[in-house]
Amino acid sequence: MKSKRLIPNLTLIVALLVQLVGIPLFPAAAQAQSTPLSVVDNFEAPLAYGVAPDNIQVGFFAAQDGNSGPTTLARSTTPPAPVPGAADGNNVLQMDFATAVWAVVIHGFENADATQWVSQDWSAYEGLSFWLYGQGAGASLFIDVIDNRNDPAQPRDDAERYSITFADDTAGWKLVQIPFANFARKDIGNGAPNDGFTLTSVHGWAFGTTTPGAATYYIDDVSVYGTAPVRPLTVGFGAATVNVKEGRTA
């Protein structure tokens, strides 16, 4: 008698795989390692500034609408009060706004001689944190993360923005921590890519206000913190049922 060749029941196998949809292929990957705090800017070094090719500003600079007064920025060792826990002589960033509609201070990440616009990979982290000295007057503030550019990059600032607004609700220093999951895409009409908040090619950050009037804010220790949520690889199918007869291909 000829031996019978065992043919797997493909219908059963596919049905079992469908039950596994959404379950990580590698459960061990879910054991995320703790990622230490990483300081992006502590303002102890002089503020870099330069112009990259295509006339793109890099380093620290300001922008505002045409009706606002000039926004100024400088390092300071004499804020109204010291940052909690900071050493004597600690530098912070002082930002003076004279806002009509909007005004913003930007750090576009630069290379060593401030001639190129470069990026950092923040994808391992949970969120952005910083110390902020506010006025407690309820002004509307915002933080932008300047994400990736087009590929190839265009001869302009074509970086995607993700932003969050919050109120100036504290007079004095306050530690602000914002998960990246809370940011939303902001279209500024610059032809930026729309490919999600990847955080693998962050080109900078920005702090600004949309509340009219004069105001001074201080910021220190802009950092990324925590560990990014694990995004496990999953199995998915276009259809819930695949009918295959034994001995035939699908």
C-alpha atoms as a PDB file:
ATOM      1  CA  MET A   1       0.000   0.000   0.000  1.00  0.00           C
ATOM      2  CA  LYS A   2       1.291   3.408  -0.914  1.00  0.00           C
ATOM      3  CA  SER A   3       1.859   5.732   2.005  1.00  0.00           C
ATOM      4  CA  LYS A   4      -0.522   8.636   2.075  1.00  0.00           C
ATOM      5  CA  ARG A   5       1.045  12.110   1.931  1.00  0.00           C
ATOM      6  CA  LEU A   6      -0.223  14.256   4.798  1.00  0.00           C
ATOM      7  CA  ILE A   7      -1.691  17.510   3.455  1.00  0.00           C
ATOM      8  CA  PRO A   8      -2.312  20.218   6.047  1.00  0.00           C
ATOM      9  CA  ASN A   9      -5.812  21.520   6.425  1.00  0.00           C
ATOM     10  CA  LEU A  10      -5.187  25.064   5.217  1.00  0.00           C
ATOM     11  CA  THR A  11      -8.677  26.203   6.105  1.00  0.00           C
ATOM     12  CA  LEU A  12      -8.047  25.305   9.738  1.00  0.00           C
ATOM     13  CA  ILE A  13      -4.628  26.985   9.736  1.00  0.00           C
ATOM     14  CA  VAL A  14      -5.982  30.215   8.294  1.00  0.00           C
ATOM     15  CA  ALA A  15      -8.868  30.220  10.759  1.00  0.00           C
ATOM     16  CA  LEU A  16      -6.419  29.856  13.629  1.00  0.00           C
ATOM     17  CA  LEU A  17      -4.295  32.692  12.317  1.00  0.00           C
ATOM     18  CA  VAL A  18      -7.332  34.942  12.080  1.00  0.00           C
ATOM     19  CA  GLN A  19      -7.877  34.384  15.785  1.00  0.00           C
ATOM     20  CA  LEU A  20      -4.372  35.700  16.366  1.00  0.00           C
ATOM     21  CA  VAL A  21      -4.953  39.051  14.668  1.00  0.00           C
ATOM     22  CA  GLY A  22      -3.800  41.835  16.952  1.00  0.00           C
ATOM     23  CA  ILE A  23      -1.510  39.579  19.005  1.00  0.00           C
ATOM     24  CA  PRO A  24       2.190  40.524  18.739  1.00  0.00           C
ATOM     25  CA  LEU A  25       4.332  38.050  16.838  1.00  0.00           C
ATOM     26  CA  PHE A  26       7.116  38.664  19.335  1.00  0.00           C
ATOM     27  CA  PRO A  27       5.609  39.147  22.821  1.00  0.00           C
ATOM     28  CA  ALA A  28       9.050  39.639  24.344  1.00  0.00           C
ATOM     29  CA  ALA A  29       9.317  42.955  22.501  1.00  0.00           C
ATOM     30  CA  ALA A  30       6.591  44.341  24.737  1.00  0.00           C
ATOM     31  CA  GLN A  31       9.063  44.438  27.623  1.00  0.00           C
ATOM     32  CA  ALA A  32      10.148  48.033  26.945  1.00  0.00           C
ATOM     33  CA  GLN A  33      13.310  49.210  28.619  1.00  0.00           C
ATOM     34  CA  SER A  34      13.241  52.434  30.614  1.00  0.00           C
ATOM     35  CA  THR A  35      14.738  55.334  28.652  1.00  0.00           C
ATOM     36  CA  PRO A  36      16.495  58.010  30.736  1.00  0.00           C
ATOM     37  CA  LEU A  37      15.724  61.708  30.481  1.00  0.00           C
ATOM     38  CA  SER A  38      17.622  63.286  27.610  1.00  0.00           C
ATOM     39  CA  VAL A  39      18.207  67.041  27.669  1.00  0.00           C
ATOM     40  CA  VAL A  40      17.789  68.651  24.262  1.00  0.00           C
ATOM     41  CA  ASP A  41      18.553  72.256  25.282  1.00  0.00           C
ATOM     42  CA  ASN A  42      19.796  73.566  28.643  1.00  0.00           C
ATOM     43  CA  PHE A  43      20.966  76.980  27.348  1.00  0.00           C
ATOM     44  CA  GLU A  44      24.364  76.790  29.022  1.00  0.00           C
ATOM     45  CA  ALA A  45      26.149  77.282  25.695  1.00  0.00           C
ATOM     46  CA  PRO A  46      25.781  80.421  23.564  1.00  0.00           C
ATOM     47  CA  LEU A  47      22.712  80.335  21.321  1.00  0.00           C
ATOM     48  CA  ALA A  48      23.693  79.155  17.856  1.00  0.00           C
ATOM     49  CA  TYR A  49      22.344  80.834  14.740  1.00  0.00           C
ATOM     50  CA  GLY A  50      23.075  80.475  11.050  1.00  0.00           C
ATOM     51  CA  VAL A  51      21.610  80.155   7.593  1.00  0.00           C
ATOM     52  CA  ALA A  52      21.611  76.821   5.794  1.00  0.00           C
ATOM     53  CA  PRO A  53      21.504  76.411   2.013  1.00  0.00           C
ATOM     54  CA  ASP A  54      18.258  77.618   0.394  1.00  0.00           C
ATOM     55  CA  ASN A  55      18.239  80.493   2.924  1.00  0.00           C
ATOM     56  CA  ILE A  56      16.765  78.352   5.731  1.00  0.00           C
ATOM     57  CA  GLN A  57      17.416  79.739   9.215  1.00  0.00           C
ATOM     58  CA  VAL A  58      18.857  77.297  11.755  1.00  0.00           C
ATOM     59  CA  GLY A  59      19.675  77.562  15.425  1.00  0.00           C
ATOM     60  CA  PHE A  60      17.650  79.922  17.623  1.00  0.00           C
ATOM     61  CA  PHE A  61      15.495  82.597  16.002  1.00  0.00           C
ATOM     62  CA  ALA A  62      12.052  84.200  16.243  1.00  0.00           C
ATOM     63  CA  ALA A  63       9.090  84.864  13.963  1.00  0.00           C
ATOM     64  CA  GLN A  64       5.811  86.723  14.305  1.00  0.00           C
ATOM     65  CA  ASP A  65       2.905  88.074  12.259  1.00  0.00           C
ATOM     66  CA  GLY A  66       3.331  91.395  10.488  1.00  0.00           C
ATOM     67  CA  ASN A  67       1.451  93.383  13.108  1.00  0.00           C
ATOM     68  CA  SER A  68       3.391  92.090  16.112  1.00  0.00           C
ATOM     69  CA  GLY A  69       6.403  93.824  17.544  1.00  0.00           C
ATOM     70  CA  PRO A  70       9.766  92.076  17.353  1.00  0.00           C
ATOM     71  CA  THR A  71      10.190  88.942  19.454  1.00  0.00           C
ATOM     72  CA  THR A  72      13.532  88.861  21.259  1.00  0.00           C
ATOM     73  CA  LEU A  73      15.378  85.985  22.902  1.00  0.00           C
ATOM     74  CA  ALA A  74      18.532  85.711  24.971  1.00  0.00           C
ATOM     75  CA  ARG A  75      20.167  83.596  27.630  1.00  0.00           C
ATOM     76  CA  SER A  76      19.731  84.843  31.187  1.00  0.00           C
ATOM     77  CA  THR A  77      21.177  83.969  34.579  1.00  0.00           C
ATOM     78  CA  THR A  78      18.754  86.320  36.344  1.00  0.00           C
ATOM     79  CA  PRO A  79      15.201  85.057  35.904  1.00  0.00           C
ATOM     80  CA  PRO A  80      12.693  86.312  38.519  1.00  0.00           C
ATOM     81  CA  ALA A  81      13.376  83.146  40.538  1.00  0.00           C
ATOM     82  CA  PRO A  82      15.829  80.262  40.132  1.00  0.00           C
ATOM     83  CA  VAL A  83      14.720  77.045  38.474  1.00  0.00           C
ATOM     84  CA  PRO A  84      13.934  74.549  41.272  1.00  0.00           C
ATOM     85  CA  GLY A  85      17.028  72.485  41.972  1.00  0.00           C
ATOM     86  CA  ALA A  86      19.259  74.437  39.585  1.00  0.00           C
ATOM     87  CA  ALA A  87      22.832  75.361  40.466  1.00  0.00           C
ATOM     88  CA  ASP A  88      23.967  78.947  40.948  1.00  0.00           C
ATOM     89  CA  GLY A  89      24.649  80.681  37.648  1.00  0.00           C
ATOM     90  CA  ASN A  90      22.228  78.461  35.737  1.00  0.00           C
ATOM     91  CA  ASN A  91      21.278  79.832  32.320  1.00  0.00           C
ATOM     92  CA  VAL A  92      17.690  79.898  31.048  1.00  0.00           C
ATOM     93  CA  LEU A  93      16.166  81.182  27.814  1.00  0.00           C
ATOM     94  CA  GLN A  94      14.350  84.518  28.151  1.00  0.00           C
ATOM     95  CA  MET A  95      11.705  85.264  25.502  1.00  0.00           C
ATOM     96  CA  ASP A  96      10.067  88.691  25.190  1.00  0.00           C
ATOM     97  CA  PHE A  97       6.893  88.846  23.104  1.00  0.00           C
ATOM     98  CA  ALA A  98       4.935  91.843  21.780  1.00  0.00           C
ATOM     99  CA  THR A  99       2.168  89.868  20.128  1.00  0.00           C
ATOM    100  CA  ALA A 100      -0.666  91.036  17.900  1.00  0.00           C
ATOM    101  CA  VAL A 101      -1.775  87.669  16.452  1.00  0.00           C
ATOM    102  CA  TRP A 102       1.035  85.172  16.977  1.00  0.00           C
ATOM    103  CA  ALA A 103       4.717  85.061  17.855  1.00  0.00           C
ATOM    104  CA  VAL A 104       7.127  82.170  18.245  1.00  0.00           C
ATOM    105  CA  VAL A 105      10.690  81.298  19.243  1.00  0.00           C
ATOM    106  CA  ILE A 106      12.179  78.429  17.242  1.00  0.00           C
ATOM    107  CA  HIS A 107      15.145  76.135  17.625  1.00  0.00           C
ATOM    108  CA  GLY A 108      15.906  74.544  14.266  1.00  0.00           C
ATOM    109  CA  PHE A 109      18.558  71.936  14.987  1.00  0.00           C
ATOM    110  CA  GLU A 110      21.916  72.902  13.535  1.00  0.00           C
ATOM    111  CA  ASN A 111      25.263  71.239  12.877  1.00  0.00           C
ATOM    112  CA  ALA A 112      28.446  72.333  14.670  1.00  0.00           C
ATOM    113  CA  ASP A 113      28.985  75.464  12.567  1.00  0.00           C
ATOM    114  CA  ALA A 114      25.273  76.259  12.049  1.00  0.00           C
ATOM    115  CA  THR A 115      25.377  75.790   8.283  1.00  0.00           C
ATOM    116  CA  GLN A 116      23.057  72.784   7.955  1.00  0.00           C
ATOM    117  CA  TRP A 117      19.563  71.939   9.195  1.00  0.00           C
ATOM    118  CA  VAL A 118      19.917  68.586  10.927  1.00  0.00           C
ATOM    119  CA  SER A 119      17.573  66.229  12.750  1.00  0.00           C
ATOM    120  CA  GLN A 120      17.384  64.123  15.915  1.00  0.00           C
ATOM    121  CA  ASP A 121      15.664  60.789  16.520  1.00  0.00           C
ATOM    122  CA  TRP A 122      13.120  61.119  19.351  1.00  0.00           C
ATOM    123  CA  SER A 123      11.174  57.953  18.550  1.00  0.00           C
ATOM    124  CA  ALA A 124      12.385  56.109  21.674  1.00  0.00           C
ATOM    125  CA  TYR A 125      10.751  58.630  24.025  1.00  0.00           C
ATOM    126  CA  GLU A 126       7.267  59.188  25.421  1.00  0.00           C
ATOM    127  CA  GLY A 127       7.073  62.958  25.418  1.00  0.00           C
ATOM    128  CA  LEU A 128       8.551  66.430  25.728  1.00  0.00           C
ATOM    129  CA  SER A 129       9.256  68.240  29.001  1.00  0.00           C
ATOM    130  CA  PHE A 130      10.558  71.659  30.033  1.00  0.00           C
ATOM    131  CA  TRP A 131      10.595  74.121  32.903  1.00  0.00           C
ATOM    132  CA  LEU A 132       8.475  77.199  32.169  1.00  0.00           C
ATOM    133  CA  TYR A 133       8.301  80.454  34.112  1.00  0.00           C
ATOM    134  CA  GLY A 134       4.824  81.799  33.408  1.00  0.00           C
ATOM    135  CA  GLN A 135       2.796  84.851  34.340  1.00  0.00           C
ATOM    136  CA  GLY A 136      -0.322  82.953  35.423  1.00  0.00           C
ATOM    137  CA  ALA A 137      -2.505  85.277  33.336  1.00  0.00           C
ATOM    138  CA  GLY A 138      -4.199  82.567  31.266  1.00  0.00           C
ATOM    139  CA  ALA A 139      -2.493  83.392  27.961  1.00  0.00           C
ATOM    140  CA  SER A 140      -2.728  80.812  25.185  1.00  0.00           C
ATOM    141  CA  LEU A 141       0.669  79.189  24.625  1.00  0.00           C
ATOM    142  CA  PHE A 142       1.782  76.478  22.232  1.00  0.00           C
ATOM    143  CA  ILE A 143       4.639  74.076  21.699  1.00  0.00           C
ATOM    144  CA  ASP A 144       5.504  72.732  18.246  1.00  0.00           C
ATOM    145  CA  VAL A 145       7.627  69.711  17.429  1.00  0.00           C
ATOM    146  CA  ILE A 146       9.152  70.216  13.983  1.00  0.00           C
ATOM    147  CA  ASP A 147       9.101  66.728  12.500  1.00  0.00           C
ATOM    148  CA  ASN A 148      10.400  65.285   9.225  1.00  0.00           C
ATOM    149  CA  ARG A 149      10.807  66.977   5.835  1.00  0.00           C
ATOM    150  CA  ASN A 150       9.945  65.826   2.329  1.00  0.00           C
ATOM    151  CA  ASP A 151      12.139  63.271   0.581  1.00  0.00           C
ATOM    152  CA  PRO A 152      13.845  64.844  -1.233  1.00  0.00           C
ATOM    153  CA  ALA A 153      13.720  68.001   0.875  1.00  0.00           C
ATOM    154  CA  GLN A 154      12.417  71.125  -0.837  1.00  0.00           C
ATOM    155  CA  PRO A 155      14.401  74.411  -1.011  1.00  0.00           C
ATOM    156  CA  ARG A 156      12.474  75.908   1.925  1.00  0.00           C
ATOM    157  CA  ASP A 157      11.227  75.039   5.404  1.00  0.00           C
ATOM    158  CA  ASP A 158       9.072  72.062   4.419  1.00  0.00           C
ATOM    159  CA  ALA A 159       9.029  70.304   7.810  1.00  0.00           C
ATOM    160  CA  GLU A 160       5.827  68.855   9.262  1.00  0.00           C
ATOM    161  CA  ARG A 161       4.563  70.393  12.518  1.00  0.00           C
ATOM    162  CA  TYR A 162       2.850  68.717  15.453  1.00  0.00           C
ATOM    163  CA  SER A 163       1.537  71.099  18.076  1.00  0.00           C
ATOM    164  CA  ILE A 164      -0.319  71.425  21.357  1.00  0.00           C
ATOM    165  CA  THR A 165      -1.819  74.504  23.016  1.00  0.00           C
ATOM    166  CA  PHE A 166      -2.061  75.077  26.754  1.00  0.00           C
ATOM    167  CA  ALA A 167      -2.865  77.922  29.129  1.00  0.00           C
ATOM    168  CA  ASP A 168      -0.360  79.964  31.107  1.00  0.00           C
ATOM    169  CA  ASP A 169      -1.933  79.007  34.420  1.00  0.00           C
ATOM    170  CA  THR A 170       1.017  79.354  36.790  1.00  0.00           C
ATOM    171  CA  ALA A 171       2.897  82.417  38.013  1.00  0.00           C
ATOM    172  CA  GLY A 172       6.431  81.139  38.491  1.00  0.00           C
ATOM    173  CA  TRP A 173       8.249  77.981  37.522  1.00  0.00           C
ATOM    174  CA  LYS A 174       6.329  74.882  36.481  1.00  0.00           C
ATOM    175  CA  LEU A 175       7.583  71.573  35.091  1.00  0.00           C
ATOM    176  CA  VAL A 176       5.564  70.833  31.956  1.00  0.00           C
ATOM    177  CA  GLN A 177       5.455  67.271  30.606  1.00  0.00           C
ATOM    178  CA  ILE A 178       3.472  66.523  27.438  1.00  0.00           C
ATOM    179  CA  PRO A 179       3.176  63.040  25.891  1.00  0.00           C
ATOM    180  CA  PHE A 180       3.759  63.026  22.147  1.00  0.00           C
ATOM    181  CA  ALA A 181       0.412  61.227  21.830  1.00  0.00           C
ATOM    182  CA  ASN A 182      -1.295  64.503  22.826  1.00  0.00           C
ATOM    183  CA  PHE A 183       0.141  66.495  19.923  1.00  0.00           C
ATOM    184  CA  ALA A 184      -1.907  67.122  16.775  1.00  0.00           C
ATOM    185  CA  ARG A 185      -0.754  67.900  13.253  1.00  0.00           C
ATOM    186  CA  LYS A 186      -0.617  71.608  12.403  1.00  0.00           C
ATOM    187  CA  ASP A 187      -0.736  72.622   8.748  1.00  0.00           C
ATOM    188  CA  ILE A 188       1.170  75.868   8.173  1.00  0.00           C
ATOM    189  CA  GLY A 189       0.830  75.756   4.389  1.00  0.00           C
ATOM    190  CA  ASN A 190       4.452  74.875   3.659  1.00  0.00           C
ATOM    191  CA  GLY A 191       3.874  71.699   1.633  1.00  0.00           C
ATOM    192  CA  ALA A 192       5.111  69.474   4.450  1.00  0.00           C
ATOM    193  CA  PRO A 193       4.700  65.699   4.289  1.00  0.00           C
ATOM    194  CA  ASN A 194       1.617  64.227   5.937  1.00  0.00           C
ATOM    195  CA  ASP A 195       2.973  60.867   7.011  1.00  0.00           C
ATOM    196  CA  GLY A 196       2.276  60.755  10.741  1.00  0.00           C
ATOM    197  CA  PHE A 197       4.191  61.793  13.833  1.00  0.00           C
ATOM    198  CA  THR A 198       7.157  59.507  13.277  1.00  0.00           C
ATOM    199  CA  LEU A 199       9.653  61.334  15.560  1.00  0.00           C
ATOM    200  CA  THR A 200      12.556  59.641  13.770  1.00  0.00           C
ATOM    201  CA  SER A 201      13.705  62.849  12.079  1.00  0.00           C
ATOM    202  CA  VAL A 202      12.839  65.765  14.374  1.00  0.00           C
ATOM    203  CA  HIS A 203      14.209  69.056  13.042  1.00  0.00           C
ATOM    204  CA  GLY A 204      13.484  71.253  16.056  1.00  0.00           C
ATOM    205  CA  TRP A 205      10.956  72.653  18.489  1.00  0.00           C
ATOM    206  CA  ALA A 206       9.168  75.965  18.969  1.00  0.00           C
ATOM    207  CA  PHE A 207       7.456  77.876  21.798  1.00  0.00           C
ATOM    208  CA  GLY A 208       4.929  80.587  21.078  1.00  0.00           C
ATOM    209  CA  THR A 209       1.800  82.492  22.014  1.00  0.00           C
ATOM    210  CA  THR A 210      -1.370  83.677  20.292  1.00  0.00           C
ATOM    211  CA  THR A 211      -2.525  86.036  23.049  1.00  0.00           C
ATOM    212  CA  PRO A 212      -2.160  89.742  22.183  1.00  0.00           C
ATOM    213  CA  GLY A 213       0.041  91.902  24.362  1.00  0.00           C
ATOM    214  CA  ALA A 214       3.508  92.091  25.844  1.00  0.00           C
ATOM    215  CA  ALA A 215       4.750  89.149  27.902  1.00  0.00           C
ATOM    216  CA  THR A 216       8.023  87.639  29.032  1.00  0.00           C
ATOM    217  CA  TYR A 217       8.538  83.912  29.528  1.00  0.00           C
ATOM    218  CA  TYR A 218      11.523  81.876  30.640  1.00  0.00           C
ATOM    219  CA  ILE A 219      12.196  78.273  29.678  1.00  0.00           C
ATOM    220  CA  ASP A 220      14.862  75.768  30.731  1.00  0.00           C
ATOM    221  CA  ASP A 221      15.897  72.145  30.276  1.00  0.00           C
ATOM    222  CA  VAL A 222      13.897  71.272  27.184  1.00  0.00           C
ATOM    223  CA  SER A 223      14.071  67.476  27.275  1.00  0.00           C
ATOM    224  CA  VAL A 224      12.565  64.264  25.993  1.00  0.00           C
ATOM    225  CA  TYR A 225      11.424  61.827  28.650  1.00  0.00           C
ATOM    226  CA  GLY A 226       9.986  58.373  29.255  1.00  0.00           C
ATOM    227  CA  THR A 227       9.764  55.388  26.947  1.00  0.00           C
ATOM    228  CA  ALA A 228       7.748  55.328  23.751  1.00  0.00           C
ATOM    229  CA  PRO A 229       4.755  52.962  23.760  1.00  0.00           C
ATOM    230  CA  VAL A 230       5.553  49.659  22.072  1.00  0.00           C
ATOM    231  CA  ARG A 231       4.021  49.310  18.633  1.00  0.00           C
ATOM    232  CA  PRO A 232       4.017  45.515  18.144  1.00  0.00           C
ATOM    233  CA  LEU A 233       4.044  43.833  14.747  1.00  0.00           C
ATOM    234  CA  THR A 234       0.661  42.192  14.137  1.00  0.00           C
ATOM    235  CA  VAL A 235      -0.814  39.695  11.673  1.00  0.00           C
ATOM    236  CA  GLY A 236      -3.674  40.931   9.538  1.00  0.00           C
ATOM    237  CA  PHE A 237      -5.755  39.619   6.652  1.00  0.00           C
ATOM    238  CA  GLY A 238      -7.869  41.335   4.023  1.00  0.00           C
ATOM    239  CA  ALA A 239     -10.705  38.855   4.562  1.00  0.00           C
ATOM    240  CA  ALA A 240     -11.853  36.977   7.630  1.00  0.00           C
ATOM    241  CA  THR A 241     -12.320  33.657   5.787  1.00  0.00           C
ATOM    242  CA  VAL A 242     -10.235  32.009   3.094  1.00  0.00           C
ATOM    243  CA  ASN A 243     -11.640  28.806   1.621  1.00  0.00           C
ATOM    244  CA  VAL A 244      -8.974  26.407   0.395  1.00  0.00           C
ATOM    245  CA  LYS A 245      -9.525  22.783  -0.561  1.00  0.00           C
ATOM    246  CA  GLU A 246      -6.932  20.260   0.532  1.00  0.00           C
ATOM    247  CA  GLY A 247      -4.343  19.575  -2.115  1.00  0.00           C
ATOM    248  CA  ARG A 248      -4.936  22.870  -3.962  1.00  0.00           C
ATOM    249  CA  THR A 249      -3.471  26.303  -3.701  1.00  0.00           C
ATOM    250  CA  ALA A 250      -5.494  29.347  -2.702  1.00  0.00           C
END
